[in-house]
Amino acid sequence: MEIFPSLISADLLNLEKVINSLNDKCDGFHIDVMDNHFVPNLTWGPAFIQEFVKIAKIPLDVHLMVDDPQGWIDKLKLRPIDYLIFHVEACKDNEEIIKICTKAKKIGCKIGMAINPKTKIDSFLGILNIFDQVLIMSVEPGFSGQKFDKSVMDKVQKIAELKRKNNLKLKISMDGGIGKDNIKFLSENGVDRVGVATSVFGGGDYLKNLADLYAQM
């Protein structure tokens, strides 16, 4: 299973140093983009994202927690190895979701959908084939440090079954409340990638914390 440290919890005054130190230690970086409307928190804008793209030598998961994901697409210059992830809750219907995906694919990156813990997934299962990743939120989006919601494993099982049945090249990822106590369980139960924040950057040596997470799998 891949681990993507979430930079929102890193030392914000030393982000370049943090990224450079982790470029060969993890599988990628998770970047939370929040607009203070879709979620009650505010983080980086497009200019910051472009700096991350310049520094990171590994894939980025750019997680848009915004009201207008379509309005962000042209502002981001992501690479073919990067993932642009937007929330289905920010879209009125599947037609809008498909429209956003079509537009996003023109910038040349991979595309992901994010699903909140309380959102039913049945209406989205029929369009999984247009995505490269499904990000299942295991906490309510907006702030790190929350407790893992075990009920979301039902979503993982449903999507993993469809992935196997239809031979989909789809990453099943998870974000929120992930640490040493549950990362092995997730790796053994259909999750391909995790975003981790507090478990890496919450205290102590973040390089050791990350190595400890890998050692659990």
Foldseek 3Di string as FASTA:
>chain_A
DFEAEECVQADVVCSLVVQLVCLPPGQYHEYEAADCPLANAHDDALVVQVVCQVRHPHEYEYEYSDLCLLVRQVSHQHEQRYEDEYEPVSPPAVVVVVVSLVSNCVSNYFYEYEYEPPDDCVRPLVPQQSHQEYEYEQHGPDDADDAGNPVCLVVQQVNQVVCVVVVHNYAYEYEHRDALVCLVVCVVRRHDYYYDYCQQNVDDHSSVSSVSSVVSD
